[in-house]
Amino acid sequence: MPKEWTGPTPQEILDGMCKAGRSDAELMFAFALLDKGIQEGKIREHISCLDDVRGFFEMAERMYVQNEGFMLSDAELGIHQGQCESPICRKLAQAYFEILRPSDEADCEQIAQELQQLAEAIMLGKPRPELEGKESMFFDSQTGADLFEVKVVDITDKCIVDEEFAAAMKKATDGGEREVFLCYIPYSGGMMCDIKDGYGGSFTSQSFNISRELSPDMKEAFEHRARLVGIDPELFQAIILANAPKLLKGENN
């Protein structure tokens, strides 16, 4: 996303979602429905980033590919995107105004293709093949073998940045830029993901077994790590799984 794009306010997003293709009378009716929906609790004022991502693509498919109508729940996306600092949610808001809103019914096939590209850009990290194949700090407890990082992706652009902390770290590392990597490490019992976050090549690291459900303690640790990284925990888990190599199935990602 271009850095100069700051995005609309929550009201502007709601206005845009309601006004598309509507007469003044239909617009007034739509706003009345929104107000009633909020008052009656049918429209949530707070949703997660993962709900925003899922809801956005459902709304886009329905309204701009199938050319069907607006739903009250679509307003939740406008409320969330107007307030969320996540680069992912801001990218969705930008796509709404730059791709969806200017389109017409004849563009549905093109919109479907652009939505597929957008979904990949949202969920998939940038491959870093030059970092793959390196020995990790782990060994297989069953076989005793050293373990290697078979896939590494860069997800820095998906993370919220604490500007004050980033400025201090850049100063401490002589201008080092922040990097956040997902490093996938297969072992005899499944797959681990080592989450690396740091500046100037110096990283903090924490690994999680993604082949099985996390225990309550590990789930709490994962949620804490996600917040440090700067991604909604539910969305972060979805991103980790979306980028995971399919080695357990004998496939390559």
C-alpha atoms as a PDB file:
ATOM      1  CA  MET A   1       0.000   0.000   0.000  1.00  0.00           C
ATOM      2  CA  PRO A   2       1.359   3.456  -0.821  1.00  0.00           C
ATOM      3  CA  LYS A   3       2.561   5.149   2.368  1.00  0.00           C
ATOM      4  CA  GLU A   4       0.727   8.359   1.534  1.00  0.00           C
ATOM      5  CA  TRP A   5      -2.641   6.595   1.526  1.00  0.00           C
ATOM      6  CA  THR A   6      -4.147   7.283   4.955  1.00  0.00           C
ATOM      7  CA  GLY A   7      -7.623   5.962   4.249  1.00  0.00           C
ATOM      8  CA  PRO A   8     -11.111   7.212   5.009  1.00  0.00           C
ATOM      9  CA  THR A   9     -12.803   7.729   8.349  1.00  0.00           C
ATOM     10  CA  PRO A  10     -15.265   5.128   9.666  1.00  0.00           C
ATOM     11  CA  GLN A  11     -18.159   7.337   8.564  1.00  0.00           C
ATOM     12  CA  GLU A  12     -16.729   7.707   5.058  1.00  0.00           C
ATOM     13  CA  ILE A  13     -16.405   3.939   4.737  1.00  0.00           C
ATOM     14  CA  LEU A  14     -19.964   3.411   5.924  1.00  0.00           C
ATOM     15  CA  ASP A  15     -21.164   6.139   3.585  1.00  0.00           C
ATOM     16  CA  GLY A  16     -19.348   4.511   0.680  1.00  0.00           C
ATOM     17  CA  MET A  17     -20.705   1.046   1.403  1.00  0.00           C
ATOM     18  CA  CYS A  18     -24.261   2.356   1.622  1.00  0.00           C
ATOM     19  CA  LYS A  19     -24.237   4.836  -1.246  1.00  0.00           C
ATOM     20  CA  ALA A  20     -23.092   2.509  -4.007  1.00  0.00           C
ATOM     21  CA  GLY A  21     -25.791   2.471  -6.662  1.00  0.00           C
ATOM     22  CA  ARG A  22     -28.519   3.898  -4.418  1.00  0.00           C
ATOM     23  CA  SER A  23     -30.993   6.737  -4.819  1.00  0.00           C
ATOM     24  CA  ASP A  24     -31.401   9.312  -2.043  1.00  0.00           C
ATOM     25  CA  ALA A  25     -34.493   7.522  -0.768  1.00  0.00           C
ATOM     26  CA  GLU A  26     -32.716   4.158  -0.739  1.00  0.00           C
ATOM     27  CA  LEU A  27     -29.762   5.776   0.990  1.00  0.00           C
ATOM     28  CA  MET A  28     -31.931   7.181   3.771  1.00  0.00           C
ATOM     29  CA  PHE A  29     -33.530   3.770   4.217  1.00  0.00           C
ATOM     30  CA  ALA A  30     -30.090   2.115   4.362  1.00  0.00           C
ATOM     31  CA  PHE A  31     -28.878   4.495   7.072  1.00  0.00           C
ATOM     32  CA  ALA A  32     -32.069   3.937   9.041  1.00  0.00           C
ATOM     33  CA  LEU A  33     -31.426   0.185   8.877  1.00  0.00           C
ATOM     34  CA  LEU A  34     -27.852   0.681  10.034  1.00  0.00           C
ATOM     35  CA  ASP A  35     -28.895   2.797  12.979  1.00  0.00           C
ATOM     36  CA  LYS A  36     -31.561   0.297  13.945  1.00  0.00           C
ATOM     37  CA  GLY A  37     -29.136  -2.600  13.542  1.00  0.00           C
ATOM     38  CA  ILE A  38     -26.618  -1.001  15.896  1.00  0.00           C
ATOM     39  CA  GLN A  39     -29.283  -0.119  18.451  1.00  0.00           C
ATOM     40  CA  GLU A  40     -30.675  -3.662  18.410  1.00  0.00           C
ATOM     41  CA  GLY A  41     -27.259  -5.293  18.546  1.00  0.00           C
ATOM     42  CA  LYS A  42     -27.570  -6.829  15.073  1.00  0.00           C
ATOM     43  CA  ILE A  43     -24.452  -4.973  13.944  1.00  0.00           C
ATOM     44  CA  ARG A  44     -21.320  -5.512  15.993  1.00  0.00           C
ATOM     45  CA  GLU A  45     -19.268  -2.412  16.681  1.00  0.00           C
ATOM     46  CA  HIS A  46     -16.138  -4.507  17.279  1.00  0.00           C
ATOM     47  CA  ILE A  47     -14.960  -7.473  15.202  1.00  0.00           C
ATOM     48  CA  SER A  48     -11.596  -9.205  14.904  1.00  0.00           C
ATOM     49  CA  CYS A  49      -9.203  -8.699  12.005  1.00  0.00           C
ATOM     50  CA  LEU A  50      -9.875 -12.294  10.904  1.00  0.00           C
ATOM     51  CA  ASP A  51     -13.617 -11.580  10.836  1.00  0.00           C
ATOM     52  CA  ASP A  52     -12.856  -8.471   8.786  1.00  0.00           C
ATOM     53  CA  VAL A  53     -10.841 -10.460   6.232  1.00  0.00           C
ATOM     54  CA  ARG A  54     -13.452 -13.204   5.936  1.00  0.00           C
ATOM     55  CA  GLY A  55     -16.303 -10.707   5.831  1.00  0.00           C
ATOM     56  CA  PHE A  56     -14.618  -8.540   3.213  1.00  0.00           C
ATOM     57  CA  PHE A  57     -14.190 -11.357   0.703  1.00  0.00           C
ATOM     58  CA  GLU A  58     -17.702 -12.663   1.360  1.00  0.00           C
ATOM     59  CA  MET A  59     -19.109  -9.161   0.805  1.00  0.00           C
ATOM     60  CA  ALA A  60     -16.983  -8.584  -2.292  1.00  0.00           C
ATOM     61  CA  GLU A  61     -18.029 -11.903  -3.848  1.00  0.00           C
ATOM     62  CA  ARG A  62     -21.687 -11.280  -3.113  1.00  0.00           C
ATOM     63  CA  MET A  63     -21.937  -7.628  -4.154  1.00  0.00           C
ATOM     64  CA  TYR A  64     -19.328  -7.266  -6.892  1.00  0.00           C
ATOM     65  CA  VAL A  65     -19.043 -10.731  -8.446  1.00  0.00           C
ATOM     66  CA  GLN A  66     -22.563 -12.115  -7.976  1.00  0.00           C
ATOM     67  CA  ASN A  67     -24.090  -8.598  -8.136  1.00  0.00           C
ATOM     68  CA  GLU A  68     -26.305  -9.261  -5.132  1.00  0.00           C
ATOM     69  CA  GLY A  69     -27.268  -6.867  -2.351  1.00  0.00           C
ATOM     70  CA  PHE A  70     -25.914  -5.196   0.756  1.00  0.00           C
ATOM     71  CA  MET A  71     -26.277  -6.913   4.152  1.00  0.00           C
ATOM     72  CA  LEU A  72     -26.348  -5.296   7.567  1.00  0.00           C
ATOM     73  CA  SER A  73     -23.247  -7.236   8.610  1.00  0.00           C
ATOM     74  CA  ASP A  74     -21.297  -5.469   5.849  1.00  0.00           C
ATOM     75  CA  ALA A  75     -21.407  -2.336   7.995  1.00  0.00           C
ATOM     76  CA  GLU A  76     -19.233  -4.110  10.566  1.00  0.00           C
ATOM     77  CA  LEU A  77     -16.432  -4.096   7.993  1.00  0.00           C
ATOM     78  CA  GLY A  78     -16.679  -0.335   7.567  1.00  0.00           C
ATOM     79  CA  ILE A  79     -16.619   0.266  11.310  1.00  0.00           C
ATOM     80  CA  HIS A  80     -13.593  -1.999  11.767  1.00  0.00           C
ATOM     81  CA  GLN A  81     -11.569  -0.813   8.764  1.00  0.00           C
ATOM     82  CA  GLY A  82     -12.061   2.818   9.686  1.00  0.00           C
ATOM     83  CA  GLN A  83     -10.421   2.277  13.079  1.00  0.00           C
ATOM     84  CA  CYS A  84      -7.991  -0.634  12.698  1.00  0.00           C
ATOM     85  CA  GLU A  85      -4.276   0.111  12.289  1.00  0.00           C
ATOM     86  CA  SER A  86      -3.461  -3.301  10.816  1.00  0.00           C
ATOM     87  CA  PRO A  87      -1.805  -3.019   7.380  1.00  0.00           C
ATOM     88  CA  ILE A  88      -3.988  -5.915   6.255  1.00  0.00           C
ATOM     89  CA  CYS A  89      -7.267  -4.227   7.168  1.00  0.00           C
ATOM     90  CA  ARG A  90      -6.055  -0.942   5.701  1.00  0.00           C
ATOM     91  CA  LYS A  91      -5.237  -2.776   2.481  1.00  0.00           C
ATOM     92  CA  LEU A  92      -8.775  -4.135   2.360  1.00  0.00           C
ATOM     93  CA  ALA A  93     -10.223  -0.650   2.848  1.00  0.00           C
ATOM     94  CA  GLN A  94      -8.017   0.641   0.041  1.00  0.00           C
ATOM     95  CA  ALA A  95      -9.099  -2.222  -2.244  1.00  0.00           C
ATOM     96  CA  TYR A  96     -12.735  -1.423  -1.526  1.00  0.00           C
ATOM     97  CA  PHE A  97     -12.405   2.169  -2.682  1.00  0.00           C
ATOM     98  CA  GLU A  98      -9.941   1.599  -5.530  1.00  0.00           C
ATOM     99  CA  ILE A  99     -11.144  -1.731  -6.979  1.00  0.00           C
ATOM    100  CA  LEU A 100     -14.699  -2.485  -5.901  1.00  0.00           C
ATOM    101  CA  ARG A 101     -16.451   0.871  -5.767  1.00  0.00           C
ATOM    102  CA  PRO A 102     -15.406   2.099  -9.260  1.00  0.00           C
ATOM    103  CA  SER A 103     -16.523  -1.186 -10.886  1.00  0.00           C
ATOM    104  CA  ASP A 104     -19.844  -1.980 -12.559  1.00  0.00           C
ATOM    105  CA  GLU A 105     -21.789  -5.193 -13.165  1.00  0.00           C
ATOM    106  CA  ALA A 106     -19.894  -6.002 -16.356  1.00  0.00           C
ATOM    107  CA  ASP A 107     -16.595  -6.161 -14.433  1.00  0.00           C
ATOM    108  CA  CYS A 108     -17.534  -9.200 -12.322  1.00  0.00           C
ATOM    109  CA  GLU A 109     -15.024 -11.608 -13.931  1.00  0.00           C
ATOM    110  CA  GLN A 110     -12.173  -9.129 -13.605  1.00  0.00           C
ATOM    111  CA  ILE A 111     -13.177  -8.402 -10.010  1.00  0.00           C
ATOM    112  CA  ALA A 112     -13.118 -12.131  -9.217  1.00  0.00           C
ATOM    113  CA  GLN A 113      -9.533 -12.354 -10.522  1.00  0.00           C
ATOM    114  CA  GLU A 114      -8.451  -9.270  -8.596  1.00  0.00           C
ATOM    115  CA  LEU A 115      -9.999 -10.636  -5.406  1.00  0.00           C
ATOM    116  CA  GLN A 116      -7.985 -13.851  -5.798  1.00  0.00           C
ATOM    117  CA  GLN A 117      -4.797 -11.815  -6.204  1.00  0.00           C
ATOM    118  CA  LEU A 118      -5.728  -9.686  -3.212  1.00  0.00           C
ATOM    119  CA  ALA A 119      -6.374 -12.758  -1.045  1.00  0.00           C
ATOM    120  CA  GLU A 120      -2.927 -14.113  -1.885  1.00  0.00           C
ATOM    121  CA  ALA A 121      -1.316 -10.746  -1.139  1.00  0.00           C
ATOM    122  CA  ILE A 122      -3.144 -10.593   2.195  1.00  0.00           C
ATOM    123  CA  MET A 123      -2.367 -14.108   3.411  1.00  0.00           C
ATOM    124  CA  LEU A 124       0.918 -15.133   1.796  1.00  0.00           C
ATOM    125  CA  GLY A 125       4.303 -13.842   2.881  1.00  0.00           C
ATOM    126  CA  LYS A 126       7.205 -12.906   0.642  1.00  0.00           C
ATOM    127  CA  PRO A 127       9.351 -16.001  -0.031  1.00  0.00           C
ATOM    128  CA  ARG A 128      12.939 -15.780   1.226  1.00  0.00           C
ATOM    129  CA  PRO A 129      14.597 -18.773  -0.467  1.00  0.00           C
ATOM    130  CA  GLU A 130      18.105 -17.467   0.345  1.00  0.00           C
ATOM    131  CA  LEU A 131      17.353 -18.119   4.033  1.00  0.00           C
ATOM    132  CA  GLU A 132      16.040 -21.648   3.564  1.00  0.00           C
ATOM    133  CA  GLY A 133      17.947 -24.837   4.281  1.00  0.00           C
ATOM    134  CA  LYS A 134      19.747 -23.447   7.305  1.00  0.00           C
ATOM    135  CA  GLU A 135      20.135 -25.504  10.440  1.00  0.00           C
ATOM    136  CA  SER A 136      17.739 -24.450  13.164  1.00  0.00           C
ATOM    137  CA  MET A 137      18.383 -24.375  16.903  1.00  0.00           C
ATOM    138  CA  PHE A 138      16.194 -27.466  17.345  1.00  0.00           C
ATOM    139  CA  PHE A 139      16.694 -31.211  17.132  1.00  0.00           C
ATOM    140  CA  ASP A 140      14.202 -34.038  16.759  1.00  0.00           C
ATOM    141  CA  SER A 141      13.545 -35.531  20.198  1.00  0.00           C
ATOM    142  CA  GLN A 142      12.482 -38.831  18.605  1.00  0.00           C
ATOM    143  CA  THR A 143      15.387 -39.350  16.225  1.00  0.00           C
ATOM    144  CA  GLY A 144      18.053 -37.032  17.613  1.00  0.00           C
ATOM    145  CA  ALA A 145      18.526 -35.499  14.158  1.00  0.00           C
ATOM    146  CA  ASP A 146      19.245 -31.824  13.634  1.00  0.00           C
ATOM    147  CA  LEU A 147      16.312 -29.893  12.190  1.00  0.00           C
ATOM    148  CA  PHE A 148      16.379 -27.438   9.296  1.00  0.00           C
ATOM    149  CA  GLU A 149      14.323 -24.464   8.184  1.00  0.00           C
ATOM    150  CA  VAL A 150      12.794 -25.708   4.928  1.00  0.00           C
ATOM    151  CA  LYS A 151      10.705 -22.621   4.188  1.00  0.00           C
ATOM    152  CA  VAL A 152      11.040 -18.971   5.234  1.00  0.00           C
ATOM    153  CA  VAL A 153       8.592 -16.186   4.420  1.00  0.00           C
ATOM    154  CA  ASP A 154       8.760 -12.487   5.252  1.00  0.00           C
ATOM    155  CA  ILE A 155       5.544 -11.060   6.753  1.00  0.00           C
ATOM    156  CA  THR A 156       6.940  -7.708   7.893  1.00  0.00           C
ATOM    157  CA  ASP A 157       4.467  -5.750   5.786  1.00  0.00           C
ATOM    158  CA  LYS A 158       1.526  -7.395   7.577  1.00  0.00           C
ATOM    159  CA  CYS A 159       2.529  -6.218  11.059  1.00  0.00           C
ATOM    160  CA  ILE A 160       1.527  -3.122  12.989  1.00  0.00           C
ATOM    161  CA  VAL A 161       4.602  -1.058  13.835  1.00  0.00           C
ATOM    162  CA  ASP A 162       5.143   0.700  17.151  1.00  0.00           C
ATOM    163  CA  GLU A 163       6.788   3.799  15.682  1.00  0.00           C
ATOM    164  CA  GLU A 164       8.454   4.904  18.918  1.00  0.00           C
ATOM    165  CA  PHE A 165       9.923   1.452  19.581  1.00  0.00           C
ATOM    166  CA  ALA A 166      10.951   1.080  15.934  1.00  0.00           C
ATOM    167  CA  ALA A 167      12.802   4.419  16.018  1.00  0.00           C
ATOM    168  CA  ALA A 168      14.675   3.367  19.167  1.00  0.00           C
ATOM    169  CA  MET A 169      15.610  -0.013  17.680  1.00  0.00           C
ATOM    170  CA  LYS A 170      16.784   1.521  14.401  1.00  0.00           C
ATOM    171  CA  LYS A 171      19.008   3.847  16.380  1.00  0.00           C
ATOM    172  CA  ALA A 172      20.356   0.967  18.477  1.00  0.00           C
ATOM    173  CA  THR A 173      21.103  -1.117  15.356  1.00  0.00           C
ATOM    174  CA  ASP A 174      22.609   1.692  13.244  1.00  0.00           C
ATOM    175  CA  GLY A 175      19.581   2.032  11.000  1.00  0.00           C
ATOM    176  CA  GLY A 176      18.540  -1.617  10.918  1.00  0.00           C
ATOM    177  CA  GLU A 177      15.060  -2.200   9.507  1.00  0.00           C
ATOM    178  CA  ARG A 178      12.491  -4.424  11.163  1.00  0.00           C
ATOM    179  CA  GLU A 179      12.017  -7.918   9.740  1.00  0.00           C
ATOM    180  CA  VAL A 180       9.468 -10.555  10.757  1.00  0.00           C
ATOM    181  CA  PHE A 181       9.945 -14.089   9.423  1.00  0.00           C
ATOM    182  CA  LEU A 182       7.986 -17.319   9.627  1.00  0.00           C
ATOM    183  CA  CYS A 183      10.444 -20.219   9.529  1.00  0.00           C
ATOM    184  CA  TYR A 184       8.987 -23.699   9.006  1.00  0.00           C
ATOM    185  CA  ILE A 185      10.785 -26.670  10.515  1.00  0.00           C
ATOM    186  CA  PRO A 186       9.548 -30.219   9.862  1.00  0.00           C
ATOM    187  CA  TYR A 187      10.261 -32.979  12.369  1.00  0.00           C
ATOM    188  CA  SER A 188       9.216 -36.607  12.776  1.00  0.00           C
ATOM    189  CA  GLY A 189       5.996 -35.636  14.559  1.00  0.00           C
ATOM    190  CA  GLY A 190       4.873 -32.796  12.319  1.00  0.00           C
ATOM    191  CA  MET A 191       5.773 -29.168  11.681  1.00  0.00           C
ATOM    192  CA  MET A 192       7.016 -26.296  13.810  1.00  0.00           C
ATOM    193  CA  CYS A 193       6.917 -22.602  12.977  1.00  0.00           C
ATOM    194  CA  ASP A 194       9.672 -20.443  14.423  1.00  0.00           C
ATOM    195  CA  ILE A 195       8.549 -16.785  14.563  1.00  0.00           C
ATOM    196  CA  LYS A 196      11.473 -14.392  14.264  1.00  0.00           C
ATOM    197  CA  ASP A 197      11.100 -10.661  14.875  1.00  0.00           C
ATOM    198  CA  GLY A 198      13.972  -8.224  14.973  1.00  0.00           C
ATOM    199  CA  TYR A 199      16.013  -5.313  13.675  1.00  0.00           C
ATOM    200  CA  GLY A 200      19.295  -5.257  11.810  1.00  0.00           C
ATOM    201  CA  GLY A 201      19.619  -9.045  11.708  1.00  0.00           C
ATOM    202  CA  SER A 202      19.204  -9.491  15.479  1.00  0.00           C
ATOM    203  CA  PHE A 203      16.059 -11.476  16.257  1.00  0.00           C
ATOM    204  CA  THR A 204      13.931 -12.693  19.101  1.00  0.00           C
ATOM    205  CA  SER A 205      12.554 -16.141  18.369  1.00  0.00           C
ATOM    206  CA  GLN A 206       9.666 -18.290  19.578  1.00  0.00           C
ATOM    207  CA  SER A 207       8.486 -21.575  18.069  1.00  0.00           C
ATOM    208  CA  PHE A 208       5.113 -23.304  18.050  1.00  0.00           C
ATOM    209  CA  ASN A 209       4.004 -26.744  16.935  1.00  0.00           C
ATOM    210  CA  ILE A 210       1.441 -26.107  14.187  1.00  0.00           C
ATOM    211  CA  SER A 211       0.632 -29.777  13.609  1.00  0.00           C
ATOM    212  CA  ARG A 212      -1.609 -30.044  16.651  1.00  0.00           C
ATOM    213  CA  GLU A 213      -3.914 -27.930  18.769  1.00  0.00           C
ATOM    214  CA  LEU A 214      -2.077 -25.708  21.226  1.00  0.00           C
ATOM    215  CA  SER A 215      -2.420 -26.337  24.947  1.00  0.00           C
ATOM    216  CA  PRO A 216      -4.017 -23.517  26.984  1.00  0.00           C
ATOM    217  CA  ASP A 217      -0.589 -22.323  28.155  1.00  0.00           C
ATOM    218  CA  MET A 218       0.869 -22.383  24.645  1.00  0.00           C
ATOM    219  CA  LYS A 219      -2.227 -20.699  23.234  1.00  0.00           C
ATOM    220  CA  GLU A 220      -1.766 -17.868  25.717  1.00  0.00           C
ATOM    221  CA  ALA A 221       1.915 -17.629  24.752  1.00  0.00           C
ATOM    222  CA  PHE A 222       0.999 -17.587  21.062  1.00  0.00           C
ATOM    223  CA  GLU A 223      -1.547 -14.803  21.535  1.00  0.00           C
ATOM    224  CA  HIS A 224       1.054 -12.776  23.423  1.00  0.00           C
ATOM    225  CA  ARG A 225       3.591 -13.342  20.652  1.00  0.00           C
ATOM    226  CA  ALA A 226       1.058 -12.320  17.994  1.00  0.00           C
ATOM    227  CA  ARG A 227       0.375  -9.045  19.771  1.00  0.00           C
ATOM    228  CA  LEU A 228       4.108  -8.352  20.027  1.00  0.00           C
ATOM    229  CA  VAL A 229       4.451  -9.028  16.308  1.00  0.00           C
ATOM    230  CA  GLY A 230       1.485  -6.759  15.626  1.00  0.00           C
ATOM    231  CA  ILE A 231      -1.138  -9.073  14.120  1.00  0.00           C
ATOM    232  CA  ASP A 232      -4.508 -10.153  15.497  1.00  0.00           C
ATOM    233  CA  PRO A 233      -3.892 -13.637  16.997  1.00  0.00           C
ATOM    234  CA  GLU A 234      -6.648 -15.390  15.031  1.00  0.00           C
ATOM    235  CA  LEU A 235      -5.502 -13.812  11.775  1.00  0.00           C
ATOM    236  CA  PHE A 236      -1.865 -14.579  12.627  1.00  0.00           C
ATOM    237  CA  GLN A 237      -2.690 -18.266  13.049  1.00  0.00           C
ATOM    238  CA  ALA A 238      -4.487 -18.281   9.698  1.00  0.00           C
ATOM    239  CA  ILE A 239      -1.474 -16.647   8.021  1.00  0.00           C
ATOM    240  CA  ILE A 240       0.913 -19.198   9.546  1.00  0.00           C
ATOM    241  CA  LEU A 241      -1.196 -22.094   8.276  1.00  0.00           C
ATOM    242  CA  ALA A 242      -1.691 -20.506   4.848  1.00  0.00           C
ATOM    243  CA  ASN A 243       2.074 -20.252   4.351  1.00  0.00           C
ATOM    244  CA  ALA A 244       2.980 -23.652   5.803  1.00  0.00           C
ATOM    245  CA  PRO A 245       4.656 -26.123   3.427  1.00  0.00           C
ATOM    246  CA  LYS A 246       2.625 -29.233   2.729  1.00  0.00           C
ATOM    247  CA  LEU A 247       5.462 -31.621   3.448  1.00  0.00           C
ATOM    248  CA  LEU A 248       3.303 -33.683   5.774  1.00  0.00           C
ATOM    249  CA  LYS A 249       1.244 -34.693   2.769  1.00  0.00           C
ATOM    250  CA  GLY A 250       4.255 -35.440   0.625  1.00  0.00           C
ATOM    251  CA  GLU A 251       3.787 -32.208  -1.331  1.00  0.00           C
ATOM    252  CA  ASN A 252       5.834 -29.095  -1.853  1.00  0.00           C
ATOM    253  CA  ASN A 253       4.405 -25.628  -1.285  1.00  0.00           C
END
